[in-house]
């Protein structure tokens, strides 16, 4: 089943579960990376949230779904977990700039 069809069904389990989140001990973001620190209980809660969504994908045979983890906002220290459509191929390659000859 496709994710969009699953989400279109009435009373699907994802709607009941929502997008659970965990508050991080610390979360740091830059333009190039994200780092977060979790206490043991936060790490277990985050892992359970990820496993819950992965199990939902497997239980409903969602062939184009992926577990989505995100954070939003500059001061927000929460990690949210939900579902999204999986990428179909490899990441687009960025062309390297040519070196200028001197």
PDB file of N, CA and C in Angstrom:
ATOM      1  N   UNK A   1       0.851  -1.174   0.000  1.00  0.00           N
ATOM      2  CA  UNK A   1       0.000   0.000   0.000  1.00  0.00           C
ATOM      3  C   UNK A   1       0.899   1.239   0.000  1.00  0.00           C
ATOM      4  N   UNK A   2       0.475   2.264  -0.667  1.00  0.00           N
ATOM      5  CA  UNK A   2       1.195   3.533  -0.721  1.00  0.00           C
ATOM      6  C   UNK A   2       0.852   4.375   0.521  1.00  0.00           C
ATOM      7  N   UNK A   3       1.813   5.148   0.958  1.00  0.00           N
ATOM      8  CA  UNK A   3       1.624   5.974   2.147  1.00  0.00           C
ATOM      9  C   UNK A   3       0.456   6.935   1.977  1.00  0.00           C
ATOM     10  N   UNK A   4       0.344   7.576   0.822  1.00  0.00           N
ATOM     11  CA  UNK A   4      -0.753   8.550   0.630  1.00  0.00           C
ATOM     12  C   UNK A   4      -2.123   7.870   0.709  1.00  0.00           C
ATOM     13  N   UNK A   5      -2.234   6.622   0.226  1.00  0.00           N
ATOM     14  CA  UNK A   5      -3.497   5.894   0.329  1.00  0.00           C
ATOM     15  C   UNK A   5      -3.789   5.519   1.780  1.00  0.00           C
ATOM     16  N   UNK A   6      -2.759   5.115   2.493  1.00  0.00           N
ATOM     17  CA  UNK A   6      -2.905   4.772   3.911  1.00  0.00           C
ATOM     18  C   UNK A   6      -3.367   5.988   4.711  1.00  0.00           C
ATOM     19  N   UNK A   7      -2.749   7.132   4.463  1.00  0.00           N
ATOM     20  CA  UNK A   7      -3.109   8.349   5.192  1.00  0.00           C
ATOM     21  C   UNK A   7      -4.496   8.860   4.821  1.00  0.00           C
ATOM     22  N   UNK A   8      -4.991   8.474   3.648  1.00  0.00           N
ATOM     23  CA  UNK A   8      -6.326   8.892   3.207  1.00  0.00           C
ATOM     24  C   UNK A   8      -7.436   8.063   3.847  1.00  0.00           C
ATOM     25  N   UNK A   9      -7.090   6.884   4.398  1.00  0.00           N
ATOM     26  CA  UNK A   9      -8.106   6.049   5.030  1.00  0.00           C
ATOM     27  C   UNK A   9      -8.559   6.666   6.346  1.00  0.00           C
ATOM     28  N   UNK A  10      -9.813   6.439   6.671  1.00  0.00           N
ATOM     29  CA  UNK A  10     -10.380   6.986   7.896  1.00  0.00           C
ATOM     30  C   UNK A  10      -9.833   6.226   9.109  1.00  0.00           C
ATOM     31  N   UNK A  11      -9.511   6.957  10.148  1.00  0.00           N
ATOM     32  CA  UNK A  11      -9.048   6.380  11.413  1.00  0.00           C
ATOM     33  C   UNK A  11      -7.791   5.513  11.274  1.00  0.00           C
ATOM     34  N   UNK A  12      -6.855   5.919  10.433  1.00  0.00           N
ATOM     35  CA  UNK A  12      -5.617   5.147  10.316  1.00  0.00           C
ATOM     36  C   UNK A  12      -4.804   5.302  11.609  1.00  0.00           C
ATOM     37  N   UNK A  13      -4.002   4.274  11.952  1.00  0.00           N
ATOM     38  CA  UNK A  13      -3.267   4.285  13.221  1.00  0.00           C
ATOM     39  C   UNK A  13      -2.303   5.470  13.385  1.00  0.00           C
ATOM     40  N   UNK A  14      -1.746   5.964  12.301  1.00  0.00           N
ATOM     41  CA  UNK A  14      -0.814   7.090  12.413  1.00  0.00           C
ATOM     42  C   UNK A  14      -1.522   8.322  12.972  1.00  0.00           C
ATOM     43  N   UNK A  15      -2.764   8.525  12.591  1.00  0.00           N
ATOM     44  CA  UNK A  15      -3.528   9.669  13.105  1.00  0.00           C
ATOM     45  C   UNK A  15      -3.737   9.534  14.609  1.00  0.00           C
ATOM     46  N   UNK A  16      -3.949   8.309  15.067  1.00  0.00           N
ATOM     47  CA  UNK A  16      -4.150   8.079  16.501  1.00  0.00           C
ATOM     48  C   UNK A  16      -2.844   8.253  17.273  1.00  0.00           C
ATOM     49  N   UNK A  17      -1.732   7.813  16.680  1.00  0.00           N
ATOM     50  CA  UNK A  17      -0.436   7.916  17.346  1.00  0.00           C
ATOM     51  C   UNK A  17       0.092   9.344  17.322  1.00  0.00           C
ATOM     52  N   UNK A  18      -0.201  10.054  16.257  1.00  0.00           N
ATOM     53  CA  UNK A  18       0.350  11.394  16.089  1.00  0.00           C
ATOM     54  C   UNK A  18       1.831  11.334  15.770  1.00  0.00           C
ATOM     55  N   UNK A  19       2.505  12.454  15.968  1.00  0.00           N
ATOM     56  CA  UNK A  19       3.949  12.547  15.761  1.00  0.00           C
ATOM     57  C   UNK A  19       4.586  12.717  17.140  1.00  0.00           C
ATOM     58  N   UNK A  20       4.919  11.603  17.797  1.00  0.00           N
ATOM     59  CA  UNK A  20       5.469  11.719  19.150  1.00  0.00           C
ATOM     60  C   UNK A  20       6.809  12.455  19.137  1.00  0.00           C
ATOM     61  N   UNK A  21       7.143  13.041  20.262  1.00  0.00           N
ATOM     62  CA  UNK A  21       8.409  13.759  20.349  1.00  0.00           C
ATOM     63  C   UNK A  21       9.074  13.486  21.693  1.00  0.00           C
ATOM     64  N   UNK A  22      10.351  13.768  21.734  1.00  0.00           N
ATOM     65  CA  UNK A  22      11.107  13.694  22.973  1.00  0.00           C
ATOM     66  C   UNK A  22      11.840  15.023  23.133  1.00  0.00           C
ATOM     67  N   UNK A  23      11.868  15.517  24.349  1.00  0.00           N
ATOM     68  CA  UNK A  23      12.610  16.734  24.657  1.00  0.00           C
ATOM     69  C   UNK A  23      14.048  16.312  24.923  1.00  0.00           C
ATOM     70  N   UNK A  24      14.981  16.907  24.205  1.00  0.00           N
ATOM     71  CA  UNK A  24      16.396  16.550  24.321  1.00  0.00           C
ATOM     72  C   UNK A  24      17.033  17.207  25.542  1.00  0.00           C
ATOM     73  N   UNK A  25      18.066  16.576  26.041  1.00  0.00           N
ATOM     74  CA  UNK A  25      18.887  17.186  27.079  1.00  0.00           C
ATOM     75  C   UNK A  25      19.560  18.430  26.511  1.00  0.00           C
ATOM     76  N   UNK A  26      20.023  18.335  25.259  1.00  0.00           N
ATOM     77  CA  UNK A  26      20.598  19.475  24.540  1.00  0.00           C
ATOM     78  C   UNK A  26      20.482  19.197  23.056  1.00  0.00           C
ATOM     79  N   UNK A  27      20.290  20.238  22.256  1.00  0.00           N
ATOM     80  CA  UNK A  27      20.217  20.105  20.811  1.00  0.00           C
ATOM     81  C   UNK A  27      20.917  21.308  20.188  1.00  0.00           C
ATOM     82  N   UNK A  28      21.873  21.010  19.305  1.00  0.00           N
ATOM     83  CA  UNK A  28      22.658  22.059  18.650  1.00  0.00           C
ATOM     84  C   UNK A  28      22.524  21.899  17.148  1.00  0.00           C
ATOM     85  N   UNK A  29      22.278  23.010  16.453  1.00  0.00           N
ATOM     86  CA  UNK A  29      22.157  22.979  15.000  1.00  0.00           C
ATOM     87  C   UNK A  29      23.067  24.023  14.388  1.00  0.00           C
ATOM     88  N   UNK A  30      23.648  23.648  13.258  1.00  0.00           N
ATOM     89  CA  UNK A  30      24.378  24.612  12.446  1.00  0.00           C
ATOM     90  C   UNK A  30      23.828  24.475  11.036  1.00  0.00           C
ATOM     91  N   UNK A  31      24.402  25.199  10.120  1.00  0.00           N
ATOM     92  CA  UNK A  31      23.977  25.082   8.733  1.00  0.00           C
ATOM     93  C   UNK A  31      24.306  23.737   8.128  1.00  0.00           C
ATOM     94  N   UNK A  32      25.251  23.006   8.724  1.00  0.00           N
ATOM     95  CA  UNK A  32      25.690  21.745   8.141  1.00  0.00           C
ATOM     96  C   UNK A  32      25.403  20.503   8.987  1.00  0.00           C
ATOM     97  N   UNK A  33      25.042  20.655  10.256  1.00  0.00           N
ATOM     98  CA  UNK A  33      24.805  19.451  11.051  1.00  0.00           C
ATOM     99  C   UNK A  33      23.855  19.708  12.211  1.00  0.00           C
ATOM    100  N   UNK A  34      23.462  18.611  12.821  1.00  0.00           N
ATOM    101  CA  UNK A  34      22.625  18.644  14.013  1.00  0.00           C
ATOM    102  C   UNK A  34      23.225  17.653  15.007  1.00  0.00           C
ATOM    103  N   UNK A  35      23.341  18.072  16.236  1.00  0.00           N
ATOM    104  CA  UNK A  35      23.844  17.219  17.308  1.00  0.00           C
ATOM    105  C   UNK A  35      22.877  17.313  18.468  1.00  0.00           C
ATOM    106  N   UNK A  36      22.582  16.165  19.071  1.00  0.00           N
ATOM    107  CA  UNK A  36      21.717  16.215  20.231  1.00  0.00           C
ATOM    108  C   UNK A  36      22.190  15.234  21.284  1.00  0.00           C
ATOM    109  N   UNK A  37      21.956  15.609  22.537  1.00  0.00           N
ATOM    110  CA  UNK A  37      22.310  14.790  23.677  1.00  0.00           C
ATOM    111  C   UNK A  37      21.023  14.318  24.326  1.00  0.00           C
ATOM    112  N   UNK A  38      20.973  13.031  24.644  1.00  0.00           N
ATOM    113  CA  UNK A  38      19.805  12.448  25.292  1.00  0.00           C
ATOM    114  C   UNK A  38      20.235  11.733  26.561  1.00  0.00           C
ATOM    115  N   UNK A  39      19.466  11.908  27.613  1.00  0.00           N
ATOM    116  CA  UNK A  39      19.693  11.109  28.808  1.00  0.00           C
ATOM    117  C   UNK A  39      19.266   9.683  28.477  1.00  0.00           C
ATOM    118  N   UNK A  40      19.621   8.700  29.293  1.00  0.00           N
ATOM    119  CA  UNK A  40      19.195   7.325  28.992  1.00  0.00           C
ATOM    120  C   UNK A  40      17.673   7.189  28.814  1.00  0.00           C
ATOM    121  N   UNK A  41      16.898   7.823  29.674  1.00  0.00           N
ATOM    122  CA  UNK A  41      15.434   7.693  29.536  1.00  0.00           C
ATOM    123  C   UNK A  41      14.937   8.395  28.273  1.00  0.00           C
ATOM    124  N   UNK A  42      15.540   9.522  27.912  1.00  0.00           N
ATOM    125  CA  UNK A  42      15.170  10.202  26.669  1.00  0.00           C
ATOM    126  C   UNK A  42      15.551   9.361  25.457  1.00  0.00           C
ATOM    127  N   UNK A  43      16.712   8.722  25.514  1.00  0.00           N
ATOM    128  CA  UNK A  43      17.160   7.875  24.403  1.00  0.00           C
ATOM    129  C   UNK A  43      16.216   6.688  24.216  1.00  0.00           C
ATOM    130  N   UNK A  44      15.778   6.094  25.306  1.00  0.00           N
ATOM    131  CA  UNK A  44      14.837   4.968  25.217  1.00  0.00           C
ATOM    132  C   UNK A  44      13.509   5.429  24.640  1.00  0.00           C
ATOM    133  N   UNK A  45      13.024   6.581  25.096  1.00  0.00           N
ATOM    134  CA  UNK A  45      11.755   7.109  24.575  1.00  0.00           C
ATOM    135  C   UNK A  45      11.865   7.407  23.081  1.00  0.00           C
ATOM    136  N   UNK A  46      12.982   8.011  22.669  1.00  0.00           N
ATOM    137  CA  UNK A  46      13.185   8.328  21.249  1.00  0.00           C
ATOM    138  C   UNK A  46      13.249   7.045  20.419  1.00  0.00           C
ATOM    139  N   UNK A  47      13.976   6.056  20.907  1.00  0.00           N
ATOM    140  CA  UNK A  47      14.077   4.773  20.199  1.00  0.00           C
ATOM    141  C   UNK A  47      12.706   4.101  20.094  1.00  0.00           C
ATOM    142  N   UNK A  48      11.913   4.167  21.146  1.00  0.00           N
ATOM    143  CA  UNK A  48      10.569   3.580  21.110  1.00  0.00           C
ATOM    144  C   UNK A  48       9.688   4.300  20.090  1.00  0.00           C
ATOM    145  N   UNK A  49       9.814   5.615  19.996  1.00  0.00           N
ATOM    146  CA  UNK A  49       9.045   6.371  19.005  1.00  0.00           C
ATOM    147  C   UNK A  49       9.420   5.943  17.587  1.00  0.00           C
ATOM    148  N   UNK A  50      10.723   5.789  17.333  1.00  0.00           N
ATOM    149  CA  UNK A  50      11.181   5.359  16.010  1.00  0.00           C
ATOM    150  C   UNK A  50      10.695   3.946  15.712  1.00  0.00           C
ATOM    151  N   UNK A  51      10.824   3.054  16.688  1.00  0.00           N
ATOM    152  CA  UNK A  51      10.367   1.673  16.496  1.00  0.00           C
ATOM    153  C   UNK A  51       8.860   1.602  16.255  1.00  0.00           C
ATOM    154  N   UNK A  52       8.097   2.448  16.930  1.00  0.00           N
ATOM    155  CA  UNK A  52       6.642   2.473  16.751  1.00  0.00           C
ATOM    156  C   UNK A  52       6.288   2.792  15.304  1.00  0.00           C
ATOM    157  N   UNK A  53       6.945   3.791  14.740  1.00  0.00           N
ATOM    158  CA  UNK A  53       6.653   4.175  13.352  1.00  0.00           C
ATOM    159  C   UNK A  53       7.166   3.125  12.367  1.00  0.00           C
ATOM    160  N   UNK A  54       8.333   2.548  12.642  1.00  0.00           N
ATOM    161  CA  UNK A  54       8.854   1.491  11.767  1.00  0.00           C
ATOM    162  C   UNK A  54       7.915   0.286  11.772  1.00  0.00           C
ATOM    163  N   UNK A  55       7.394  -0.066  12.940  1.00  0.00           N
ATOM    164  CA  UNK A  55       6.466  -1.193  13.037  1.00  0.00           C
ATOM    165  C   UNK A  55       5.169  -0.898  12.296  1.00  0.00           C
ATOM    166  N   UNK A  56       4.710   0.333  12.357  1.00  0.00           N
ATOM    167  CA  UNK A  56       3.502   0.740  11.621  1.00  0.00           C
ATOM    168  C   UNK A  56       3.702   0.542  10.122  1.00  0.00           C
ATOM    169  N   UNK A  57       4.876   0.905   9.617  1.00  0.00           N
ATOM    170  CA  UNK A  57       5.184   0.718   8.198  1.00  0.00           C
ATOM    171  C   UNK A  57       5.147  -0.754   7.835  1.00  0.00           C
ATOM    172  N   UNK A  58       5.748  -1.592   8.673  1.00  0.00           N
ATOM    173  CA  UNK A  58       5.783  -3.031   8.402  1.00  0.00           C
ATOM    174  C   UNK A  58       4.401  -3.670   8.541  1.00  0.00           C
ATOM    175  N   UNK A  59       3.665  -3.306   9.574  1.00  0.00           N
ATOM    176  CA  UNK A  59       2.341  -3.890   9.814  1.00  0.00           C
ATOM    177  C   UNK A  59       1.352  -3.596   8.686  1.00  0.00           C
ATOM    178  N   UNK A  60       1.487  -2.442   8.067  1.00  0.00           N
ATOM    179  CA  UNK A  60       0.550  -2.044   7.017  1.00  0.00           C
ATOM    180  C   UNK A  60       1.160  -2.131   5.628  1.00  0.00           C
ATOM    181  N   UNK A  61       2.330  -2.743   5.554  1.00  0.00           N
ATOM    182  CA  UNK A  61       3.004  -3.007   4.272  1.00  0.00           C
ATOM    183  C   UNK A  61       3.055  -1.751   3.397  1.00  0.00           C
ATOM    184  N   UNK A  62       3.541  -0.666   4.003  1.00  0.00           N
ATOM    185  CA  UNK A  62       3.639   0.603   3.283  1.00  0.00           C
ATOM    186  C   UNK A  62       4.944   0.594   2.495  1.00  0.00           C
ATOM    187  N   UNK A  63       4.845   0.351   1.206  1.00  0.00           N
ATOM    188  CA  UNK A  63       6.044   0.111   0.399  1.00  0.00           C
ATOM    189  C   UNK A  63       6.821   1.360   0.023  1.00  0.00           C
ATOM    190  N   UNK A  64       6.269   2.546   0.244  1.00  0.00           N
ATOM    191  CA  UNK A  64       7.008   3.763  -0.110  1.00  0.00           C
ATOM    192  C   UNK A  64       7.185   4.699   1.085  1.00  0.00           C
ATOM    193  N   UNK A  65       7.060   4.164   2.304  1.00  0.00           N
ATOM    194  CA  UNK A  65       7.129   4.998   3.500  1.00  0.00           C
ATOM    195  C   UNK A  65       8.491   4.886   4.176  1.00  0.00           C
ATOM    196  N   UNK A  66       8.843   5.940   4.887  1.00  0.00           N
ATOM    197  CA  UNK A  66      10.067   5.976   5.680  1.00  0.00           C
ATOM    198  C   UNK A  66       9.762   6.658   7.014  1.00  0.00           C
ATOM    199  N   UNK A  67      10.520   6.310   8.022  1.00  0.00           N
ATOM    200  CA  UNK A  67      10.415   6.983   9.315  1.00  0.00           C
ATOM    201  C   UNK A  67      11.103   8.337   9.169  1.00  0.00           C
ATOM    202  N   UNK A  68      10.451   9.374   9.621  1.00  0.00           N
ATOM    203  CA  UNK A  68      10.947  10.747   9.480  1.00  0.00           C
ATOM    204  C   UNK A  68      11.222  11.316  10.871  1.00  0.00           C
ATOM    205  N   UNK A  69      12.445  11.765  11.108  1.00  0.00           N
ATOM    206  CA  UNK A  69      12.817  12.405  12.370  1.00  0.00           C
ATOM    207  C   UNK A  69      13.188  13.847  12.048  1.00  0.00           C
ATOM    208  N   UNK A  70      12.637  14.802  12.795  1.00  0.00           N
ATOM    209  CA  UNK A  70      12.925  16.201  12.512  1.00  0.00           C
ATOM    210  C   UNK A  70      12.857  17.062  13.763  1.00  0.00           C
ATOM    211  N   UNK A  71      13.371  18.261  13.609  1.00  0.00           N
ATOM    212  CA  UNK A  71      13.327  19.318  14.604  1.00  0.00           C
ATOM    213  C   UNK A  71      12.992  20.587  13.844  1.00  0.00           C
ATOM    214  N   UNK A  72      12.300  21.483  14.475  1.00  0.00           N
ATOM    215  CA  UNK A  72      11.977  22.738  13.799  1.00  0.00           C
ATOM    216  C   UNK A  72      12.134  23.896  14.768  1.00  0.00           C
ATOM    217  N   UNK A  73      12.537  25.011  14.242  1.00  0.00           N
ATOM    218  CA  UNK A  73      12.693  26.205  15.052  1.00  0.00           C
ATOM    219  C   UNK A  73      14.078  26.335  15.665  1.00  0.00           C
ATOM    220  N   UNK A  74      14.490  27.560  15.877  1.00  0.00           N
ATOM    221  CA  UNK A  74      15.825  27.825  16.409  1.00  0.00           C
ATOM    222  C   UNK A  74      15.979  27.418  17.872  1.00  0.00           C
ATOM    223  N   UNK A  75      14.965  27.634  18.672  1.00  0.00           N
ATOM    224  CA  UNK A  75      15.078  27.377  20.110  1.00  0.00           C
ATOM    225  C   UNK A  75      14.403  26.078  20.541  1.00  0.00           C
ATOM    226  N   UNK A  76      13.816  25.341  19.629  1.00  0.00           N
ATOM    227  CA  UNK A  76      13.100  24.113  19.947  1.00  0.00           C
ATOM    228  C   UNK A  76      14.090  22.973  20.165  1.00  0.00           C
ATOM    229  N   UNK A  77      14.003  22.294  21.295  1.00  0.00           N
ATOM    230  CA  UNK A  77      14.892  21.173  21.597  1.00  0.00           C
ATOM    231  C   UNK A  77      14.125  19.853  21.623  1.00  0.00           C
ATOM    232  N   UNK A  78      13.165  19.711  20.724  1.00  0.00           N
ATOM    233  CA  UNK A  78      12.389  18.476  20.615  1.00  0.00           C
ATOM    234  C   UNK A  78      12.725  17.777  19.309  1.00  0.00           C
ATOM    235  N   UNK A  79      12.742  16.441  19.357  1.00  0.00           N
ATOM    236  CA  UNK A  79      12.877  15.623  18.152  1.00  0.00           C
ATOM    237  C   UNK A  79      11.538  14.949  17.919  1.00  0.00           C
ATOM    238  N   UNK A  80      10.954  15.205  16.765  1.00  0.00           N
ATOM    239  CA  UNK A  80       9.660  14.634  16.399  1.00  0.00           C
ATOM    240  C   UNK A  80       9.879  13.418  15.509  1.00  0.00           C
ATOM    241  N   UNK A  81       8.951  12.475  15.566  1.00  0.00           N
ATOM    242  CA  UNK A  81       9.029  11.270  14.748  1.00  0.00           C
ATOM    243  C   UNK A  81       7.688  11.076  14.045  1.00  0.00           C
ATOM    244  N   UNK A  82       7.738  10.834  12.741  1.00  0.00           N
ATOM    245  CA  UNK A  82       6.523  10.621  11.972  1.00  0.00           C
ATOM    246  C   UNK A  82       6.809   9.785  10.742  1.00  0.00           C
ATOM    247  N   UNK A  83       5.948   9.891   9.763  1.00  0.00           N
ATOM    248  CA  UNK A  83       6.078   9.153   8.512  1.00  0.00           C
ATOM    249  C   UNK A  83       6.231  10.129   7.356  1.00  0.00           C
ATOM    250  N   UNK A  84       6.949   9.692   6.334  1.00  0.00           N
ATOM    251  CA  UNK A  84       7.092  10.486   5.130  1.00  0.00           C
ATOM    252  C   UNK A  84       7.324   9.526   3.973  1.00  0.00           C
ATOM    253  N   UNK A  85       7.189  10.019   2.766  1.00  0.00           N
ATOM    254  CA  UNK A  85       7.451   9.198   1.590  1.00  0.00           C
ATOM    255  C   UNK A  85       8.965   9.029   1.436  1.00  0.00           C
ATOM    256  N   UNK A  86       9.401   7.801   1.220  1.00  0.00           N
ATOM    257  CA  UNK A  86      10.822   7.514   1.075  1.00  0.00           C
ATOM    258  C   UNK A  86      11.353   8.089  -0.231  1.00  0.00           C
ATOM    259  N   UNK A  87      12.605   8.440  -0.229  1.00  0.00           N
ATOM    260  CA  UNK A  87      13.254   8.930  -1.444  1.00  0.00           C
ATOM    261  C   UNK A  87      13.400   7.771  -2.409  1.00  0.00           C
ATOM    262  N   UNK A  88      13.236   8.034  -3.684  1.00  0.00           N
ATOM    263  CA  UNK A  88      13.209   6.965  -4.689  1.00  0.00           C
ATOM    264  C   UNK A  88      14.575   6.557  -5.196  1.00  0.00           C
ATOM    265  N   UNK A  89      15.558   7.392  -5.040  1.00  0.00           N
ATOM    266  CA  UNK A  89      16.879   7.071  -5.569  1.00  0.00           C
ATOM    267  C   UNK A  89      17.959   7.698  -4.730  1.00  0.00           C
ATOM    268  N   UNK A  90      19.178   7.643  -5.217  1.00  0.00           N
ATOM    269  CA  UNK A  90      20.272   8.227  -4.455  1.00  0.00           C
ATOM    270  C   UNK A  90      20.166   9.746  -4.423  1.00  0.00           C
ATOM    271  N   UNK A  91      20.872  10.304  -3.522  1.00  0.00           N
ATOM    272  CA  UNK A  91      20.902  11.751  -3.391  1.00  0.00           C
ATOM    273  C   UNK A  91      21.513  12.372  -4.633  1.00  0.00           C
ATOM    274  N   UNK A  92      21.004  13.502  -5.012  1.00  0.00           N
ATOM    275  CA  UNK A  92      21.509  14.201  -6.190  1.00  0.00           C
ATOM    276  C   UNK A  92      22.954  14.611  -5.940  1.00  0.00           C
ATOM    277  N   UNK A  93      23.798  14.383  -6.920  1.00  0.00           N
ATOM    278  CA  UNK A  93      25.208  14.737  -6.783  1.00  0.00           C
ATOM    279  C   UNK A  93      25.396  16.219  -7.068  1.00  0.00           C
ATOM    280  N   UNK A  94      26.202  16.850  -6.248  1.00  0.00           N
ATOM    281  CA  UNK A  94      26.532  18.254  -6.429  1.00  0.00           C
ATOM    282  C   UNK A  94      27.806  18.332  -7.243  1.00  0.00           C
ATOM    283  N   UNK A  95      27.769  19.115  -8.297  1.00  0.00           N
ATOM    284  CA  UNK A  95      28.954  19.258  -9.143  1.00  0.00           C
ATOM    285  C   UNK A  95      30.007  20.067  -8.409  1.00  0.00           C
ATOM    286  N   UNK A  96      31.243  19.574  -8.474  1.00  0.00           N
ATOM    287  CA  UNK A  96      32.343  20.285  -7.847  1.00  0.00           C
ATOM    288  C   UNK A  96      32.753  21.451  -8.736  1.00  0.00           C
ATOM    289  N   UNK A  97      33.088  22.545  -8.093  1.00  0.00           N
ATOM    290  CA  UNK A  97      33.542  23.718  -8.837  1.00  0.00           C
ATOM    291  C   UNK A  97      34.913  23.455  -9.447  1.00  0.00           C
ATOM    292  N   UNK A  98      35.103  23.911 -10.646  1.00  0.00           N
ATOM    293  CA  UNK A  98      36.402  23.740 -11.304  1.00  0.00           C
ATOM    294  C   UNK A  98      37.404  24.693 -10.682  1.00  0.00           C
ATOM    295  N   UNK A  99      38.640  24.188 -10.542  1.00  0.00           N
ATOM    296  CA  UNK A  99      39.705  25.025 -10.005  1.00  0.00           C
ATOM    297  C   UNK A  99      40.142  26.014 -11.068  1.00  0.00           C
ATOM    298  N   UNK A 100      40.394  27.229 -10.621  1.00  0.00           N
ATOM    299  CA  UNK A 100      40.870  28.254 -11.538  1.00  0.00           C
ATOM    300  C   UNK A 100      42.376  28.082 -11.699  1.00  0.00           C
ATOM    301  N   UNK A 101      42.833  28.183 -12.904  1.00  0.00           N
ATOM    302  CA  UNK A 101      44.286  28.108 -13.135  1.00  0.00           C
ATOM    303  C   UNK A 101      44.892  29.482 -12.917  1.00  0.00           C
ATOM    304  N   UNK A 102      46.061  29.481 -12.313  1.00  0.00           N
ATOM    305  CA  UNK A 102      46.710  30.768 -12.028  1.00  0.00           C
ATOM    306  C   UNK A 102      47.877  31.052 -12.919  1.00  0.00           C
TER     307      UNK A 102
END
